[in-house]
Amino acid sequence: MTISVLIVDDHPHMVALIERWLVRAGYHVTGVTTVQEAIEELTTHAPAWVITDLMLPTGDGMDILSYARTHDPQAKVIIMTAFGSEAMRQRAFARGAHAFLSKPFSHEELLAILTQEPPSEPTQS
């Protein structure tokens, strides 16, 4: 069974990058760029994971987190942001986020969260 992931980011290139990483890892991925598209996707499908940017022009990742947790309490939500603070991180976890990623992050960091494995140490040559 393929695990489904919804990616929400207002920058299409970020959606495409994460989508490439996850498709290569065997996930079924849907990418959207607005809060409304995310809500529509969450209403019609039940992705196992939601990866959402915090700052979106038509709302924010907390809106998506709240909707996902209400609509499907089993969905795991990862908040990602380039503008995070410890207070924002704590707020996300208090609302039920599974993880909080600061941009930029590597595909290894993301996959470690999705597979619940600790990130590997970088190799030195």
PDB file of N, CA and C in Angstrom:
ATOM      1  N   MET A   1       0.839  -1.183   0.000  1.00  0.00           N
ATOM      2  CA  MET A   1       0.000   0.000   0.000  1.00  0.00           C
ATOM      3  C   MET A   1       0.881   1.243   0.000  1.00  0.00           C
ATOM      4  N   THR A   2       0.601   2.161  -0.898  1.00  0.00           N
ATOM      5  CA  THR A   2       1.372   3.386  -1.010  1.00  0.00           C
ATOM      6  C   THR A   2       0.846   4.419  -0.022  1.00  0.00           C
ATOM      7  N   ILE A   3       1.762   5.080   0.674  1.00  0.00           N
ATOM      8  CA  ILE A   3       1.403   6.107   1.644  1.00  0.00           C
ATOM      9  C   ILE A   3       1.186   7.420   0.906  1.00  0.00           C
ATOM     10  N   SER A   4       0.064   8.085   1.209  1.00  0.00           N
ATOM     11  CA  SER A   4      -0.261   9.338   0.520  1.00  0.00           C
ATOM     12  C   SER A   4       0.185  10.541   1.344  1.00  0.00           C
ATOM     13  N   VAL A   5       0.668  11.546   0.614  1.00  0.00           N
ATOM     14  CA  VAL A   5       1.176  12.775   1.224  1.00  0.00           C
ATOM     15  C   VAL A   5       0.604  13.964   0.465  1.00  0.00           C
ATOM     16  N   LEU A   6       0.133  14.951   1.214  1.00  0.00           N
ATOM     17  CA  LEU A   6      -0.304  16.219   0.633  1.00  0.00           C
ATOM     18  C   LEU A   6       0.738  17.267   0.973  1.00  0.00           C
ATOM     19  N   ILE A   7       1.236  17.956  -0.050  1.00  0.00           N
ATOM     20  CA  ILE A   7       2.206  19.034   0.139  1.00  0.00           C
ATOM     21  C   ILE A   7       1.504  20.353  -0.164  1.00  0.00           C
ATOM     22  N   VAL A   8       1.676  21.328   0.751  1.00  0.00           N
ATOM     23  CA  VAL A   8       1.058  22.641   0.567  1.00  0.00           C
ATOM     24  C   VAL A   8       2.145  23.701   0.716  1.00  0.00           C
ATOM     25  N   ASP A   9       2.407  24.420  -0.361  1.00  0.00           N
ATOM     26  CA  ASP A   9       3.363  25.531  -0.329  1.00  0.00           C
ATOM     27  C   ASP A   9       2.997  26.467  -1.463  1.00  0.00           C
ATOM     28  N   ASP A  10       3.054  27.771  -1.206  1.00  0.00           N
ATOM     29  CA  ASP A  10       2.679  28.731  -2.240  1.00  0.00           C
ATOM     30  C   ASP A  10       3.752  28.884  -3.312  1.00  0.00           C
ATOM     31  N   HIS A  11       4.898  28.272  -3.127  1.00  0.00           N
ATOM     32  CA  HIS A  11       5.953  28.298  -4.141  1.00  0.00           C
ATOM     33  C   HIS A  11       5.944  26.966  -4.895  1.00  0.00           C
ATOM     34  N   PRO A  12       5.473  26.977  -6.146  1.00  0.00           N
ATOM     35  CA  PRO A  12       5.374  25.729  -6.908  1.00  0.00           C
ATOM     36  C   PRO A  12       6.691  24.959  -6.996  1.00  0.00           C
ATOM     37  N   HIS A  13       7.818  25.677  -7.027  1.00  0.00           N
ATOM     38  CA  HIS A  13       9.099  24.966  -7.113  1.00  0.00           C
ATOM     39  C   HIS A  13       9.384  24.173  -5.845  1.00  0.00           C
ATOM     40  N   MET A  14       8.930  24.658  -4.691  1.00  0.00           N
ATOM     41  CA  MET A  14       9.108  23.920  -3.435  1.00  0.00           C
ATOM     42  C   MET A  14       8.228  22.674  -3.429  1.00  0.00           C
ATOM     43  N   VAL A  15       6.995  22.831  -3.907  1.00  0.00           N
ATOM     44  CA  VAL A  15       6.100  21.675  -4.026  1.00  0.00           C
ATOM     45  C   VAL A  15       6.738  20.630  -4.934  1.00  0.00           C
ATOM     46  N   ALA A  16       7.258  21.064  -6.085  1.00  0.00           N
ATOM     47  CA  ALA A  16       7.861  20.132  -7.046  1.00  0.00           C
ATOM     48  C   ALA A  16       9.090  19.440  -6.464  1.00  0.00           C
ATOM     49  N   LEU A  17       9.908  20.169  -5.727  1.00  0.00           N
ATOM     50  CA  LEU A  17      11.106  19.586  -5.126  1.00  0.00           C
ATOM     51  C   LEU A  17      10.745  18.494  -4.127  1.00  0.00           C
ATOM     52  N   ILE A  18       9.850  18.804  -3.208  1.00  0.00           N
ATOM     53  CA  ILE A  18       9.451  17.815  -2.196  1.00  0.00           C
ATOM     54  C   ILE A  18       8.735  16.641  -2.858  1.00  0.00           C
ATOM     55  N   GLU A  19       7.929  16.938  -3.865  1.00  0.00           N
ATOM     56  CA  GLU A  19       7.235  15.873  -4.593  1.00  0.00           C
ATOM     57  C   GLU A  19       8.243  14.905  -5.221  1.00  0.00           C
ATOM     58  N   ARG A  20       9.294  15.435  -5.847  1.00  0.00           N
ATOM     59  CA  ARG A  20      10.324  14.567  -6.447  1.00  0.00           C
ATOM     60  C   ARG A  20      10.960  13.676  -5.390  1.00  0.00           C
ATOM     61  N   TRP A  21      11.336  14.275  -4.257  1.00  0.00           N
ATOM     62  CA  TRP A  21      11.952  13.496  -3.174  1.00  0.00           C
ATOM     63  C   TRP A  21      11.058  12.342  -2.744  1.00  0.00           C
ATOM     64  N   LEU A  22       9.775  12.654  -2.543  1.00  0.00           N
ATOM     65  CA  LEU A  22       8.871  11.663  -1.983  1.00  0.00           C
ATOM     66  C   LEU A  22       8.443  10.608  -2.996  1.00  0.00           C
ATOM     67  N   VAL A  23       8.247  11.001  -4.244  1.00  0.00           N
ATOM     68  CA  VAL A  23       7.900  10.025  -5.275  1.00  0.00           C
ATOM     69  C   VAL A  23       9.044   9.025  -5.439  1.00  0.00           C
ATOM     70  N   ARG A  24      10.276   9.511  -5.429  1.00  0.00           N
ATOM     71  CA  ARG A  24      11.437   8.604  -5.511  1.00  0.00           C
ATOM     72  C   ARG A  24      11.473   7.629  -4.335  1.00  0.00           C
ATOM     73  N   ALA A  25      10.961   8.054  -3.195  1.00  0.00           N
ATOM     74  CA  ALA A  25      10.947   7.214  -2.000  1.00  0.00           C
ATOM     75  C   ALA A  25       9.708   6.309  -1.957  1.00  0.00           C
ATOM     76  N   GLY A  26       8.840   6.405  -2.969  1.00  0.00           N
ATOM     77  CA  GLY A  26       7.704   5.505  -3.063  1.00  0.00           C
ATOM     78  C   GLY A  26       6.376   6.014  -2.527  1.00  0.00           C
ATOM     79  N   TYR A  27       6.291   7.292  -2.220  1.00  0.00           N
ATOM     80  CA  TYR A  27       5.055   7.870  -1.715  1.00  0.00           C
ATOM     81  C   TYR A  27       4.160   8.323  -2.862  1.00  0.00           C
ATOM     82  N   HIS A  28       2.856   8.340  -2.620  1.00  0.00           N
ATOM     83  CA  HIS A  28       1.892   8.937  -3.548  1.00  0.00           C
ATOM     84  C   HIS A  28       1.714  10.382  -3.099  1.00  0.00           C
ATOM     85  N   VAL A  29       2.001  11.331  -3.975  1.00  0.00           N
ATOM     86  CA  VAL A  29       2.055  12.734  -3.573  1.00  0.00           C
ATOM     87  C   VAL A  29       1.068  13.581  -4.371  1.00  0.00           C
ATOM     88  N   THR A  30       0.393  14.466  -3.653  1.00  0.00           N
ATOM     89  CA  THR A  30      -0.427  15.501  -4.262  1.00  0.00           C
ATOM     90  C   THR A  30       0.119  16.827  -3.770  1.00  0.00           C
ATOM     91  N   GLY A  31       0.346  17.745  -4.686  1.00  0.00           N
ATOM     92  CA  GLY A  31       0.856  19.059  -4.314  1.00  0.00           C
ATOM     93  C   GLY A  31      -0.126  20.153  -4.675  1.00  0.00           C
ATOM     94  N   VAL A  32      -0.306  21.096  -3.751  1.00  0.00           N
ATOM     95  CA  VAL A  32      -1.189  22.242  -3.990  1.00  0.00           C
ATOM     96  C   VAL A  32      -0.493  23.511  -3.500  1.00  0.00           C
ATOM     97  N   THR A  33      -1.021  24.667  -3.931  1.00  0.00           N
ATOM     98  CA  THR A  33      -0.358  25.937  -3.602  1.00  0.00           C
ATOM     99  C   THR A  33      -1.215  26.902  -2.796  1.00  0.00           C
ATOM    100  N   THR A  34      -2.450  26.526  -2.465  1.00  0.00           N
ATOM    101  CA  THR A  34      -3.305  27.426  -1.682  1.00  0.00           C
ATOM    102  C   THR A  34      -3.977  26.675  -0.541  1.00  0.00           C
ATOM    103  N   VAL A  35      -4.415  27.433   0.448  1.00  0.00           N
ATOM    104  CA  VAL A  35      -5.149  26.850   1.571  1.00  0.00           C
ATOM    105  C   VAL A  35      -6.443  26.219   1.059  1.00  0.00           C
ATOM    106  N   GLN A  36      -7.143  26.898   0.156  1.00  0.00           N
ATOM    107  CA  GLN A  36      -8.409  26.365  -0.366  1.00  0.00           C
ATOM    108  C   GLN A  36      -8.202  25.028  -1.071  1.00  0.00           C
ATOM    109  N   GLU A  37      -7.170  24.931  -1.898  1.00  0.00           N
ATOM    110  CA  GLU A  37      -6.894  23.650  -2.563  1.00  0.00           C
ATOM    111  C   GLU A  37      -6.582  22.567  -1.536  1.00  0.00           C
ATOM    112  N   ALA A  38      -5.862  22.936  -0.487  1.00  0.00           N
ATOM    113  CA  ALA A  38      -5.534  21.968   0.565  1.00  0.00           C
ATOM    114  C   ALA A  38      -6.795  21.477   1.269  1.00  0.00           C
ATOM    115  N   ILE A  39      -7.690  22.398   1.595  1.00  0.00           N
ATOM    116  CA  ILE A  39      -8.946  22.033   2.259  1.00  0.00           C
ATOM    117  C   ILE A  39      -9.768  21.112   1.361  1.00  0.00           C
ATOM    118  N   GLU A  40      -9.834  21.439   0.067  1.00  0.00           N
ATOM    119  CA  GLU A  40     -10.563  20.594  -0.885  1.00  0.00           C
ATOM    120  C   GLU A  40      -9.961  19.194  -0.934  1.00  0.00           C
ATOM    121  N   GLU A  41      -8.641  19.117  -0.962  1.00  0.00           N
ATOM    122  CA  GLU A  41      -7.959  17.820  -1.017  1.00  0.00           C
ATOM    123  C   GLU A  41      -8.205  17.030   0.276  1.00  0.00           C
ATOM    124  N   LEU A  42      -8.137  17.702   1.411  1.00  0.00           N
ATOM    125  CA  LEU A  42      -8.373  17.029   2.691  1.00  0.00           C
ATOM    126  C   LEU A  42      -9.828  16.579   2.832  1.00  0.00           C
ATOM    127  N   THR A  43     -10.739  17.289   2.191  1.00  0.00           N
ATOM    128  CA  THR A  43     -12.151  16.935   2.240  1.00  0.00           C
ATOM    129  C   THR A  43     -12.447  15.704   1.399  1.00  0.00           C
ATOM    130  N   THR A  44     -11.790  15.590   0.253  1.00  0.00           N
ATOM    131  CA  THR A  44     -12.084  14.484  -0.667  1.00  0.00           C
ATOM    132  C   THR A  44     -11.181  13.278  -0.495  1.00  0.00           C
ATOM    133  N   HIS A  45     -10.015  13.461   0.099  1.00  0.00           N
ATOM    134  CA  HIS A  45      -9.072  12.368   0.308  1.00  0.00           C
ATOM    135  C   HIS A  45      -8.606  12.396   1.761  1.00  0.00           C
ATOM    136  N   ALA A  46      -7.982  11.358   2.172  1.00  0.00           N
ATOM    137  CA  ALA A  46      -7.464  11.304   3.542  1.00  0.00           C
ATOM    138  C   ALA A  46      -5.979  10.935   3.491  1.00  0.00           C
ATOM    139  N   PRO A  47      -5.116  11.919   3.197  1.00  0.00           N
ATOM    140  CA  PRO A  47      -3.693  11.600   3.148  1.00  0.00           C
ATOM    141  C   PRO A  47      -3.180  11.216   4.536  1.00  0.00           C
ATOM    142  N   ALA A  48      -2.226  10.322   4.548  1.00  0.00           N
ATOM    143  CA  ALA A  48      -1.617   9.913   5.812  1.00  0.00           C
ATOM    144  C   ALA A  48      -0.778  11.042   6.389  1.00  0.00           C
ATOM    145  N   TRP A  49      -0.184  11.833   5.506  1.00  0.00           N
ATOM    146  CA  TRP A  49       0.696  12.932   5.909  1.00  0.00           C
ATOM    147  C   TRP A  49       0.291  14.213   5.195  1.00  0.00           C
ATOM    148  N   VAL A  50       0.422  15.330   5.896  1.00  0.00           N
ATOM    149  CA  VAL A  50       0.247  16.662   5.308  1.00  0.00           C
ATOM    150  C   VAL A  50       1.513  17.439   5.648  1.00  0.00           C
ATOM    151  N   ILE A  51       2.168  17.955   4.623  1.00  0.00           N
ATOM    152  CA  ILE A  51       3.359  18.777   4.802  1.00  0.00           C
ATOM    153  C   ILE A  51       2.984  20.172   4.320  1.00  0.00           C
ATOM    154  N   THR A  52       2.917  21.127   5.242  1.00  0.00           N
ATOM    155  CA  THR A  52       2.436  22.447   4.860  1.00  0.00           C
ATOM    156  C   THR A  52       3.377  23.558   5.299  1.00  0.00           C
ATOM    157  N   ASP A  53       3.500  24.530   4.426  1.00  0.00           N
ATOM    158  CA  ASP A  53       4.231  25.740   4.771  1.00  0.00           C
ATOM    159  C   ASP A  53       3.417  26.500   5.809  1.00  0.00           C
ATOM    160  N   LEU A  54       4.091  27.214   6.662  1.00  0.00           N
ATOM    161  CA  LEU A  54       3.409  27.993   7.691  1.00  0.00           C
ATOM    162  C   LEU A  54       2.807  29.266   7.114  1.00  0.00           C
ATOM    163  N   MET A  55       3.588  29.981   6.299  1.00  0.00           N
ATOM    164  CA  MET A  55       3.159  31.277   5.762  1.00  0.00           C
ATOM    165  C   MET A  55       2.619  31.098   4.344  1.00  0.00           C
ATOM    166  N   LEU A  56       1.311  31.290   4.197  1.00  0.00           N
ATOM    167  CA  LEU A  56       0.655  31.182   2.900  1.00  0.00           C
ATOM    168  C   LEU A  56      -0.147  32.453   2.661  1.00  0.00           C
ATOM    169  N   PRO A  57      -0.281  32.895   1.414  1.00  0.00           N
ATOM    170  CA  PRO A  57      -0.951  34.160   1.150  1.00  0.00           C
ATOM    171  C   PRO A  57      -2.437  34.176   1.501  1.00  0.00           C
ATOM    172  N   THR A  58      -3.095  33.029   1.504  1.00  0.00           N
ATOM    173  CA  THR A  58      -4.540  32.998   1.748  1.00  0.00           C
ATOM    174  C   THR A  58      -4.890  32.386   3.104  1.00  0.00           C
ATOM    175  N   GLY A  59      -3.950  32.355   4.005  1.00  0.00           N
ATOM    176  CA  GLY A  59      -4.133  31.754   5.322  1.00  0.00           C
ATOM    177  C   GLY A  59      -2.776  31.309   5.817  1.00  0.00           C
ATOM    178  N   ASP A  60      -2.770  30.323   6.684  1.00  0.00           N
ATOM    179  CA  ASP A  60      -1.467  29.802   7.077  1.00  0.00           C
ATOM    180  C   ASP A  60      -1.547  28.319   7.374  1.00  0.00           C
ATOM    181  N   GLY A  61      -0.395  27.751   7.593  1.00  0.00           N
ATOM    182  CA  GLY A  61      -0.307  26.323   7.844  1.00  0.00           C
ATOM    183  C   GLY A  61      -1.066  25.891   9.082  1.00  0.00           C
ATOM    184  N   MET A  62      -1.243  26.801  10.038  1.00  0.00           N
ATOM    185  CA  MET A  62      -2.013  26.472  11.241  1.00  0.00           C
ATOM    186  C   MET A  62      -3.480  26.216  10.891  1.00  0.00           C
ATOM    187  N   ASP A  63      -4.000  26.935   9.879  1.00  0.00           N
ATOM    188  CA  ASP A  63      -5.366  26.687   9.416  1.00  0.00           C
ATOM    189  C   ASP A  63      -5.480  25.269   8.859  1.00  0.00           C
ATOM    190  N   ILE A  64      -4.492  24.887   8.075  1.00  0.00           N
ATOM    191  CA  ILE A  64      -4.488  23.552   7.481  1.00  0.00           C
ATOM    192  C   ILE A  64      -4.306  22.496   8.572  1.00  0.00           C
ATOM    193  N   LEU A  65      -3.419  22.755   9.513  1.00  0.00           N
ATOM    194  CA  LEU A  65      -3.208  21.841  10.639  1.00  0.00           C
ATOM    195  C   LEU A  65      -4.526  21.630  11.395  1.00  0.00           C
ATOM    196  N   SER A  66      -5.197  22.700  11.734  1.00  0.00           N
ATOM    197  CA  SER A  66      -6.459  22.593  12.471  1.00  0.00           C
ATOM    198  C   SER A  66      -7.505  21.811  11.685  1.00  0.00           C
ATOM    199  N   TYR A  67      -7.631  22.114  10.395  1.00  0.00           N
ATOM    200  CA  TYR A  67      -8.612  21.413   9.569  1.00  0.00           C
ATOM    201  C   TYR A  67      -8.268  19.932   9.471  1.00  0.00           C
ATOM    202  N   ALA A  68      -7.002  19.620   9.221  1.00  0.00           N
ATOM    203  CA  ALA A  68      -6.584  18.224   9.078  1.00  0.00           C
ATOM    204  C   ALA A  68      -6.838  17.447  10.364  1.00  0.00           C
ATOM    205  N   ARG A  69      -6.494  18.023  11.501  1.00  0.00           N
ATOM    206  CA  ARG A  69      -6.664  17.330  12.786  1.00  0.00           C
ATOM    207  C   ARG A  69      -8.148  17.141  13.108  1.00  0.00           C
ATOM    208  N   THR A  70      -9.003  18.085  12.708  1.00  0.00           N
ATOM    209  CA  THR A  70     -10.440  17.962  12.940  1.00  0.00           C
ATOM    210  C   THR A  70     -11.055  16.955  11.980  1.00  0.00           C
ATOM    211  N   HIS A  71     -10.685  17.052  10.705  1.00  0.00           N
ATOM    212  CA  HIS A  71     -11.268  16.205   9.666  1.00  0.00           C
ATOM    213  C   HIS A  71     -10.794  14.756   9.767  1.00  0.00           C
ATOM    214  N   ASP A  72      -9.507  14.561  10.071  1.00  0.00           N
ATOM    215  CA  ASP A  72      -8.933  13.214  10.171  1.00  0.00           C
ATOM    216  C   ASP A  72      -7.876  13.214  11.273  1.00  0.00           C
ATOM    217  N   PRO A  73      -8.270  12.910  12.494  1.00  0.00           N
ATOM    218  CA  PRO A  73      -7.325  12.953  13.618  1.00  0.00           C
ATOM    219  C   PRO A  73      -6.105  12.039  13.449  1.00  0.00           C
ATOM    220  N   GLN A  74      -6.178  11.069  12.538  1.00  0.00           N
ATOM    221  CA  GLN A  74      -5.041  10.172  12.304  1.00  0.00           C
ATOM    222  C   GLN A  74      -3.985  10.780  11.388  1.00  0.00           C
ATOM    223  N   ALA A  75      -4.349  11.803  10.635  1.00  0.00           N
ATOM    224  CA  ALA A  75      -3.392  12.437   9.718  1.00  0.00           C
ATOM    225  C   ALA A  75      -2.261  13.076  10.518  1.00  0.00           C
ATOM    226  N   LYS A  76      -1.051  12.888  10.032  1.00  0.00           N
ATOM    227  CA  LYS A  76       0.120  13.488  10.668  1.00  0.00           C
ATOM    228  C   LYS A  76       0.505  14.720   9.858  1.00  0.00           C
ATOM    229  N   VAL A  77       0.694  15.840  10.560  1.00  0.00           N
ATOM    230  CA  VAL A  77       0.962  17.111   9.891  1.00  0.00           C
ATOM    231  C   VAL A  77       2.354  17.602  10.253  1.00  0.00           C
ATOM    232  N   ILE A  78       3.102  17.959   9.212  1.00  0.00           N
ATOM    233  CA  ILE A  78       4.423  18.556   9.371  1.00  0.00           C
ATOM    234  C   ILE A  78       4.312  20.015   8.948  1.00  0.00           C
ATOM    235  N   ILE A  79       4.698  20.908   9.838  1.00  0.00           N
ATOM    236  CA  ILE A  79       4.741  22.335   9.513  1.00  0.00           C
ATOM    237  C   ILE A  79       6.169  22.664   9.096  1.00  0.00           C
ATOM    238  N   MET A  80       6.309  23.372   7.968  1.00  0.00           N
ATOM    239  CA  MET A  80       7.633  23.811   7.528  1.00  0.00           C
ATOM    240  C   MET A  80       7.614  25.324   7.358  1.00  0.00           C
ATOM    241  N   THR A  81       8.740  25.949   7.674  1.00  0.00           N
ATOM    242  CA  THR A  81       8.795  27.403   7.551  1.00  0.00           C
ATOM    243  C   THR A  81      10.228  27.899   7.503  1.00  0.00           C
ATOM    244  N   ALA A  82      10.406  29.014   6.852  1.00  0.00           N
ATOM    245  CA  ALA A  82      11.695  29.706   6.860  1.00  0.00           C
ATOM    246  C   ALA A  82      11.701  30.795   7.925  1.00  0.00           C
ATOM    247  N   PHE A  83      10.563  31.007   8.570  1.00  0.00           N
ATOM    248  CA  PHE A  83      10.418  32.106   9.520  1.00  0.00           C
ATOM    249  C   PHE A  83       9.968  31.624  10.887  1.00  0.00           C
ATOM    250  N   GLY A  84      10.457  30.476  11.291  1.00  0.00           N
ATOM    251  CA  GLY A  84      10.008  29.883  12.537  1.00  0.00           C
ATOM    252  C   GLY A  84      10.664  30.476  13.770  1.00  0.00           C
ATOM    253  N   SER A  85       9.973  30.339  14.867  1.00  0.00           N
ATOM    254  CA  SER A  85      10.496  30.727  16.171  1.00  0.00           C
ATOM    255  C   SER A  85      10.146  29.598  17.131  1.00  0.00           C
ATOM    256  N   GLU A  86      10.743  29.611  18.297  1.00  0.00           N
ATOM    257  CA  GLU A  86      10.428  28.591  19.283  1.00  0.00           C
ATOM    258  C   GLU A  86       8.961  28.704  19.702  1.00  0.00           C
ATOM    259  N   ALA A  87       8.451  29.910  19.822  1.00  0.00           N
ATOM    260  CA  ALA A  87       7.048  30.096  20.192  1.00  0.00           C
ATOM    261  C   ALA A  87       6.119  29.504  19.128  1.00  0.00           C
ATOM    262  N   MET A  88       6.449  29.722  17.857  1.00  0.00           N
ATOM    263  CA  MET A  88       5.637  29.182  16.768  1.00  0.00           C
ATOM    264  C   MET A  88       5.719  27.655  16.762  1.00  0.00           C
ATOM    265  N   ARG A  89       6.897  27.126  16.989  1.00  0.00           N
ATOM    266  CA  ARG A  89       7.083  25.676  17.051  1.00  0.00           C
ATOM    267  C   ARG A  89       6.216  25.083  18.156  1.00  0.00           C
ATOM    268  N   GLN A  90       6.256  25.689  19.332  1.00  0.00           N
ATOM    269  CA  GLN A  90       5.460  25.200  20.456  1.00  0.00           C
ATOM    270  C   GLN A  90       3.956  25.299  20.157  1.00  0.00           C
ATOM    271  N   ARG A  91       3.570  26.376  19.492  1.00  0.00           N
ATOM    272  CA  ARG A  91       2.160  26.551  19.114  1.00  0.00           C
ATOM    273  C   ARG A  91       1.716  25.441  18.163  1.00  0.00           C
ATOM    274  N   ALA A  92       2.583  25.109  17.197  1.00  0.00           N
ATOM    275  CA  ALA A  92       2.255  24.043  16.244  1.00  0.00           C
ATOM    276  C   ALA A  92       2.094  22.707  16.962  1.00  0.00           C
ATOM    277  N   PHE A  93       3.009  22.394  17.857  1.00  0.00           N
ATOM    278  CA  PHE A  93       2.908  21.131  18.590  1.00  0.00           C
ATOM    279  C   PHE A  93       1.684  21.110  19.497  1.00  0.00           C
ATOM    280  N   ALA A  94       1.357  22.243  20.100  1.00  0.00           N
ATOM    281  CA  ALA A  94       0.171  22.320  20.961  1.00  0.00           C
ATOM    282  C   ALA A  94      -1.107  22.071  20.166  1.00  0.00           C
ATOM    283  N   ARG A  95      -1.090  22.423  18.884  1.00  0.00           N
ATOM    284  CA  ARG A  95      -2.261  22.200  18.023  1.00  0.00           C
ATOM    285  C   ARG A  95      -2.266  20.826  17.361  1.00  0.00           C
ATOM    286  N   GLY A  96      -1.247  20.027  17.636  1.00  0.00           N
ATOM    287  CA  GLY A  96      -1.249  18.659  17.123  1.00  0.00           C
ATOM    288  C   GLY A  96      -0.304  18.360  15.990  1.00  0.00           C
ATOM    289  N   ALA A  97       0.630  19.253  15.686  1.00  0.00           N
ATOM    290  CA  ALA A  97       1.601  18.968  14.631  1.00  0.00           C
ATOM    291  C   ALA A  97       2.468  17.778  15.034  1.00  0.00           C
ATOM    292  N   HIS A  98       2.834  16.994  14.048  1.00  0.00           N
ATOM    293  CA  HIS A  98       3.705  15.844  14.275  1.00  0.00           C
ATOM    294  C   HIS A  98       5.173  16.274  14.285  1.00  0.00           C
ATOM    295  N   ALA A  99       5.494  17.273  13.454  1.00  0.00           N
ATOM    296  CA  ALA A  99       6.876  17.750  13.352  1.00  0.00           C
ATOM    297  C   ALA A  99       6.871  19.189  12.868  1.00  0.00           C
ATOM    298  N   PHE A 100       8.015  19.853  13.068  1.00  0.00           N
ATOM    299  CA  PHE A 100       8.198  21.247  12.676  1.00  0.00           C
ATOM    300  C   PHE A 100       9.568  21.324  12.022  1.00  0.00           C
ATOM    301  N   LEU A 101       9.612  21.666  10.740  1.00  0.00           N
ATOM    302  CA  LEU A 101      10.856  21.731   9.980  1.00  0.00           C
ATOM    303  C   LEU A 101      11.189  23.162   9.598  1.00  0.00           C
ATOM    304  N   SER A 102      12.424  23.562   9.865  1.00  0.00           N
ATOM    305  CA  SER A 102      12.892  24.877   9.432  1.00  0.00           C
ATOM    306  C   SER A 102      13.524  24.754   8.062  1.00  0.00           C
ATOM    307  N   LYS A 103      13.116  25.628   7.156  1.00  0.00           N
ATOM    308  CA  LYS A 103      13.707  25.668   5.815  1.00  0.00           C
ATOM    309  C   LYS A 103      15.045  26.389   5.893  1.00  0.00           C
ATOM    310  N   PRO A 104      16.020  25.983   5.141  1.00  0.00           N
ATOM    311  CA  PRO A 104      16.012  24.826   4.260  1.00  0.00           C
ATOM    312  C   PRO A 104      16.247  23.539   5.054  1.00  0.00           C
ATOM    313  N   PHE A 105      15.715  22.455   4.534  1.00  0.00           N
ATOM    314  CA  PHE A 105      15.933  21.141   5.130  1.00  0.00           C
ATOM    315  C   PHE A 105      16.264  20.167   4.010  1.00  0.00           C
ATOM    316  N   SER A 106      16.846  19.062   4.370  1.00  0.00           N
ATOM    317  CA  SER A 106      17.259  18.073   3.373  1.00  0.00           C
ATOM    318  C   SER A 106      16.191  17.001   3.205  1.00  0.00           C
ATOM    319  N   HIS A 107      16.290  16.279   2.098  1.00  0.00           N
ATOM    320  CA  HIS A 107      15.344  15.177   1.899  1.00  0.00           C
ATOM    321  C   HIS A 107      15.562  14.106   2.959  1.00  0.00           C
ATOM    322  N   GLU A 108      16.788  13.960   3.461  1.00  0.00           N
ATOM    323  CA  GLU A 108      17.046  12.994   4.529  1.00  0.00           C
ATOM    324  C   GLU A 108      16.294  13.360   5.801  1.00  0.00           C
ATOM    325  N   GLU A 109      16.284  14.659   6.136  1.00  0.00           N
ATOM    326  CA  GLU A 109      15.555  15.111   7.334  1.00  0.00           C
ATOM    327  C   GLU A 109      14.062  14.825   7.197  1.00  0.00           C
ATOM    328  N   LEU A 110      13.511  15.126   6.027  1.00  0.00           N
ATOM    329  CA  LEU A 110      12.091  14.900   5.804  1.00  0.00           C
ATOM    330  C   LEU A 110      11.763  13.407   5.835  1.00  0.00           C
ATOM    331  N   LEU A 111      12.544  12.616   5.134  1.00  0.00           N
ATOM    332  CA  LEU A 111      12.285  11.173   5.105  1.00  0.00           C
ATOM    333  C   LEU A 111      12.456  10.546   6.484  1.00  0.00           C
ATOM    334  N   ALA A 112      13.367  11.075   7.287  1.00  0.00           N
ATOM    335  CA  ALA A 112      13.547  10.562   8.649  1.00  0.00           C
ATOM    336  C   ALA A 112      12.266  10.759   9.459  1.00  0.00           C
ATOM    337  N   ILE A 113      11.607  11.883   9.267  1.00  0.00           N
ATOM    338  CA  ILE A 113      10.345  12.127   9.971  1.00  0.00           C
ATOM    339  C   ILE A 113       9.273  11.171   9.463  1.00  0.00           C
ATOM    340  N   LEU A 114       9.181  11.030   8.157  1.00  0.00           N
ATOM    341  CA  LEU A 114       8.143  10.179   7.576  1.00  0.00           C
ATOM    342  C   LEU A 114       8.338   8.708   7.928  1.00  0.00           C
ATOM    343  N   THR A 115       9.557   8.295   8.112  1.00  0.00           N
ATOM    344  CA  THR A 115       9.828   6.890   8.421  1.00  0.00           C
ATOM    345  C   THR A 115      10.140   6.675   9.897  1.00  0.00           C
ATOM    346  N   GLN A 116      10.173   7.763  10.661  1.00  0.00           N
ATOM    347  CA  GLN A 116      10.430   7.727  12.092  1.00  0.00           C
ATOM    348  C   GLN A 116      11.814   7.196  12.435  1.00  0.00           C
ATOM    349  N   GLU A 117      12.753   7.413  11.538  1.00  0.00           N
ATOM    350  CA  GLU A 117      14.128   7.042  11.793  1.00  0.00           C
ATOM    351  C   GLU A 117      14.925   8.308  12.080  1.00  0.00           C
ATOM    352  N   PRO A 118      15.903   8.228  12.982  1.00  0.00           N
ATOM    353  CA  PRO A 118      16.720   9.419  13.217  1.00  0.00           C
ATOM    354  C   PRO A 118      17.550   9.737  11.976  1.00  0.00           C
ATOM    355  N   PRO A 119      17.784  11.027  11.700  1.00  0.00           N
ATOM    356  CA  PRO A 119      18.595  11.374  10.535  1.00  0.00           C
ATOM    357  C   PRO A 119      20.003  10.820  10.700  1.00  0.00           C
ATOM    358  N   SER A 120      20.574  10.374   9.600  1.00  0.00           N
ATOM    359  CA  SER A 120      21.934   9.844   9.658  1.00  0.00           C
ATOM    360  C   SER A 120      22.932  10.995   9.747  1.00  0.00           C
ATOM    361  N   GLU A 121      24.055  10.704  10.376  1.00  0.00           N
ATOM    362  CA  GLU A 121      25.115  11.693  10.478  1.00  0.00           C
ATOM    363  C   GLU A 121      25.754  11.886   9.113  1.00  0.00           C
ATOM    364  N   PRO A 122      26.115  13.117   8.763  1.00  0.00           N
ATOM    365  CA  PRO A 122      26.775  13.329   7.478  1.00  0.00           C
ATOM    366  C   PRO A 122      28.102  12.583   7.447  1.00  0.00           C
ATOM    367  N   THR A 123      28.397  12.028   6.303  1.00  0.00           N
ATOM    368  CA  THR A 123      29.679  11.339   6.166  1.00  0.00           C
ATOM    369  C   THR A 123      30.753  12.345   5.817  1.00  0.00           C
ATOM    370  N   GLN A 124      31.948  12.114   6.326  1.00  0.00           N
ATOM    371  CA  GLN A 124      33.074  12.994   6.032  1.00  0.00           C
ATOM    372  C   GLN A 124      34.084  12.210   5.225  1.00  0.00           C
ATOM    373  N   SER A 125      34.670  12.876   4.233  1.00  0.00           N
ATOM    374  CA  SER A 125      35.654  12.176   3.417  1.00  0.00           C
ATOM    375  C   SER A 125      37.045  12.589   3.767  1.00  0.00           C
TER     376      SER A 125
END
